Amino acid sequence: MDKDNIIKYAPIIIVVLSIIFQWNLFVTPEKLEIKHREILKDVSSTYSTKEQYDDLKTQLSAMQQKIDKMYEILTSKG
C-alpha cells in the first residue's frame, strides 16, 4: 500500500477502531475468567452433579425396597 491509500482510509480505520474499543467487542482474559466463574456458580447452584444424582437414585431404590417389604408383610397377614 502506498501512502496515499493509507491517508485516504485513515479516518475510516480510526472510526472503526474507536467503535470496537467503545463497544467492547473484544473480551480481555480477565473479563472472560470472571464471566466463566459466574456461569460455573449459576450452574452449580441450579443443577446437581452426576454423583449427587447417583446417590439420590440409590437412596430412592433402597426406600422402594423397604416399602415393598412393608407392603408384602401387610398383605400377607391380612
Protein backbone atom coordinates (compact mmCIF):
# COMPACT_ATOMS: atom_id res chain seq x y z
CA MET A 1 0.00 0.00 0.00
CA ASP A 2 1.22 3.40 -0.75
CA LYS A 3 0.98 6.46 1.43
CA ASP A 4 -1.99 7.92 -0.45
CA ASN A 5 -4.20 4.90 0.27
CA ILE A 6 -3.30 4.98 3.94
CA ILE A 7 -4.16 8.66 4.19
CA LYS A 8 -7.36 8.09 2.23
CA TYR A 9 -8.65 5.30 4.51
CA ALA A 10 -7.22 6.56 7.83
CA PRO A 11 -10.45 8.26 9.02
CA ILE A 12 -12.46 5.10 8.36
CA ILE A 13 -9.91 2.97 10.19
CA ILE A 14 -9.93 5.35 13.16
CA VAL A 15 -13.74 5.29 13.33
CA VAL A 16 -13.85 1.50 13.13
CA LEU A 17 -11.21 1.10 15.84
CA SER A 18 -12.92 3.60 18.11
CA ILE A 19 -16.24 1.76 17.73
CA ILE A 20 -14.53 -1.55 18.51
CA PHE A 21 -13.00 -0.19 21.70
CA GLN A 22 -16.07 1.81 22.72
CA TRP A 23 -18.48 -1.13 22.40
CA ASN A 24 -16.03 -3.62 23.97
CA LEU A 25 -16.23 -6.01 21.06
CA PHE A 26 -13.11 -7.82 22.19
CA VAL A 27 -13.02 -9.56 25.56
CA THR A 28 -10.00 -9.47 27.81
CA PRO A 29 -8.92 -12.68 29.53
CA GLU A 30 -9.77 -11.18 32.94
CA LYS A 31 -13.36 -10.41 31.91
CA LEU A 32 -13.66 -13.84 30.34
CA GLU A 33 -12.47 -15.52 33.55
CA ILE A 34 -14.96 -13.50 35.63
CA LYS A 35 -17.82 -14.50 33.32
CA HIS A 36 -16.67 -18.12 33.40
CA ARG A 37 -16.78 -18.14 37.20
CA GLU A 38 -20.27 -16.59 37.17
CA ILE A 39 -21.50 -19.27 34.80
CA LEU A 40 -19.98 -22.05 36.91
CA LYS A 41 -21.56 -20.58 40.04
CA ASP A 42 -25.00 -20.40 38.40
CA VAL A 43 -24.74 -23.92 37.04
CA SER A 44 -23.62 -25.40 40.36
CA SER A 45 -26.50 -23.72 42.20
CA THR A 46 -29.08 -24.84 39.62
CA TYR A 47 -28.02 -28.36 38.63
CA SER A 48 -26.73 -31.36 40.55
CA THR A 49 -23.68 -33.42 39.77
CA LYS A 50 -23.76 -36.98 38.46
CA GLU A 51 -22.51 -38.27 41.82
CA GLN A 52 -25.32 -36.50 43.69
CA TYR A 53 -27.85 -37.91 41.24
CA ASP A 54 -26.49 -41.46 41.64
CA ASP A 55 -26.57 -41.15 45.46
CA LEU A 56 -30.17 -39.96 45.38
CA LYS A 57 -31.08 -42.76 43.00
CA THR A 58 -29.63 -45.42 45.31
CA GLN A 59 -31.40 -43.89 48.32
CA LEU A 60 -34.73 -43.93 46.47
CA SER A 61 -34.12 -47.51 45.39
CA ALA A 62 -33.46 -48.55 49.00
CA MET A 63 -36.60 -46.75 50.15
CA GLN A 64 -38.64 -48.50 47.45
CA GLN A 65 -37.32 -51.89 48.57
CA LYS A 66 -38.28 -51.15 52.17
CA ILE A 67 -41.77 -50.03 51.11
CA ASP A 68 -42.16 -53.21 49.06
CA LYS A 69 -41.17 -55.32 52.10
CA MET A 70 -43.68 -53.46 54.27
CA TYR A 71 -46.38 -53.97 51.65
CA GLU A 72 -45.63 -57.69 51.48
CA ILE A 73 -45.79 -58.01 55.25
CA LEU A 74 -49.10 -56.12 55.46
CA THR A 75 -50.71 -58.09 52.63
CA SER A 76 -49.52 -61.50 53.85
CA LYS A 77 -51.01 -61.00 57.39
CA GLY A 78 -54.38 -59.82 56.15
